[in-house]
Structures are given as C-alpha cells and as structure tokens.
C-alpha cells in the first residue's frame, strides 16, 4: 500500500555474497558508491533474489545495421585494411574481436569482415578473392550490412553518388547508391566518412560512431509514411476502440492502401521515436496503468499517460521493452529475435524525408529538375528499398 520505498539492483557477486546498488545514494553501504553486500541467505539477500527480474538483452543493430557470420575462408585470399586515421581506424580497434567488429560496422564497403590468425592477431578484411591464404587464419567473421536505397516515387529514380574531386556528388539514377542509417543519419556505404545532407554529402569531422557528437539538428525523420510489411501485404493503420461512450483510435494492420490517409504515420529513422498519426495529428500515448495505447491530442494528455516509444532494430519495429510488432502490426508476444529475413520486416514507403529540428525552414528533401534539393515546401515521396551488402 505504501508503494516502493527503495530499489536495489544486483550488480555483482562473490562466493558468499551478492553485491547490490542501493537507491538511497552514494553514502549508503560504506563503499562511497552506494553499493553494499548481503549474504545469499540473509534477510535482504534472499528477499532480493526472490523478487529480481532479469532484463532481456539484445544487440543494438540500429547503430550501424551490420551483423556477422562465421564462415570458412580457407579457399579465399584476403587483403587487409591498413590503419587509417581519416576513418578513425587505429590499433585500438583490433585489441579484441568486439572492438574489431564494432569498427568494421562503421567502415561500410571498406570492411568485408574480421579475421583471427592462429596467434590471436585480428585484422580488418578489405577484400576477398579466390585463392589460398598465405597465413594461418582460423576464423573469419563476414560482415553483412543492411542498407537502404532512397527511391523517389515521382521520378522512379534513386539517389546515386559518384566521387568527384574528393567529394561524392549526388545525382538521380535508375540504380542508386546504398546508405546505412546510424544515429538519425544516412551514411554512405561506399564512402562511409560522408553523410547525406540533402543538397550534398558532407564529410564527417569526427568519429562516425561517437554518438555524443551527432548534431540533433542534422538528424532525419520520415513523415506521412505508409509502413508496409511486404510479406503479409499489410500496413500500419488506425483502429477504432471504445472507451466508454467515446471512440478512440489505436494501431493495427490493414491491407496496404498507399492512398489511405489513415495509413500515414510520422516516425524516426533510428534511435527512439514517437508514433504520430498524420490523419489525426496526434501522438500514440500509453496508459501507465492499463498499458492501453491510444492517440491523444497535445491538450488531451494527462499524468496517467506518456508517449508510446518505438525504435528500429534490424528492420523490425520494437516497443519500449523490446517486443516487436508482428507481421499484422499487432503487439508480438515475445521479445526481439534477430533474423536476416524476418517475417515482421517493415518498409517505410511513400514518405517525406525531413530534418527533425531544422530552424532554417528548408527541411524537406525534394527533386527539382534533375537535382536533389532541400526546400521549405514540397510533396516529394520517397520509399526505402532494402538490400544486404
């Protein structure tokens, strides 16, 4: 009845004690950091162990959208990527396999995977050809990058990049160039030290994986999207729900209709984001007690509700606790599971590409003549086309 008085988090253990982090503050516990020890069978220890919840943990593919598969490399000849400070690739990136994979993910086409030699040395693979290796390479972790092509629905063409005088120049071609999303940005797969700026490509002045230096005003979002599951033929849609004598709306799935206003939603391209119905002009809210989701206007919110938060992970849409929407856009029963070809893959189509917090007014990506430009107004529609590199 009195609610929660304090919270303990299990952060470690010894042979006979568990190590707890106490919410009372750093002065608690005698270690100047708020931690303390309890016997496993003590009053507090047994109580905490009896009530502890173990959080499901899964990999954040949304950072660079890459995964690795251990494959046989005995009949292949590989070349290695030299350390390159222009790409922030240094000796520290090969201290262990986790660091090496992490760096490889942000190197785009420059990195095909990571190899481990018999002596434990790690190398970044730049290319793979037929032949035999001259070194005893015992493990090869081949990278697959989940990329997108930006397809303009009006012209039927895609954004393409070609290096000219040290900078990738943007053009529209029948077959475009791949990008991967990272921290709200479109990063060129072929030129991974450049990001899409709308009018042009801009060279990154800092380490691409340093999220703390990402400019929030340079992040992209999508408006008025039709969110499709192309396997089931369904799209995210508004669904009526009764609340007493009132009709409210939540989300569900309906047969794809790109002309339907009720199937238009605004979302983010990475990180966490709120789901906005463009037809209602309202954000999807979560009732903290009942867990029911319904759309509400800004002036209709209460202390009992908060915005329902979503995020991407390996082309799936996940809720706050990591449970994805299924192929019919219903709330899934289980937690996120990685698949290279998930049945609940969601593709943003017929969207406006917009800057999230651009004060200049030029926030829309549009096509003018043969050029890609930023504009204050426009109705250009863009769709994602997925591929694996």
Foldseek 3Di string as FASTA:
>chain_A
DPPDDWDWDFDAADPFWTKIAIPPALVPAPPSHRIHIDGCPDPVNVVCVVPDDDADDDDFCQAQQKFWDKDDQQFKEFDFDDADVLQPRDPVQFPDQVSVVVSLSLQFLQFQWWWAAPVGGITTTRDIGGGGYPGRTDITIGMKHKWWWKAWPVVCWTWAWDDDPRFTFTFTDNDHFIFTHHLQWTAGNVHSQWTDQFQGIDGHPDNSSPNVPDDLQSGKWWWFWFKAQVLVQKTKFWDWDDDPPDIWTDIWIDHDDSPDLRRTWIFTSFDKTWIARPVVRWTWKAQQPPRDITTDHPVGDDPRIDTWIWGDGLQFIATPSAFTQANGRHTHPDGDDDDNDHSNGIWIWFIWMFRDDDPVLQTTFDDDDGGTHTHNDDRIGIIIDIDMD
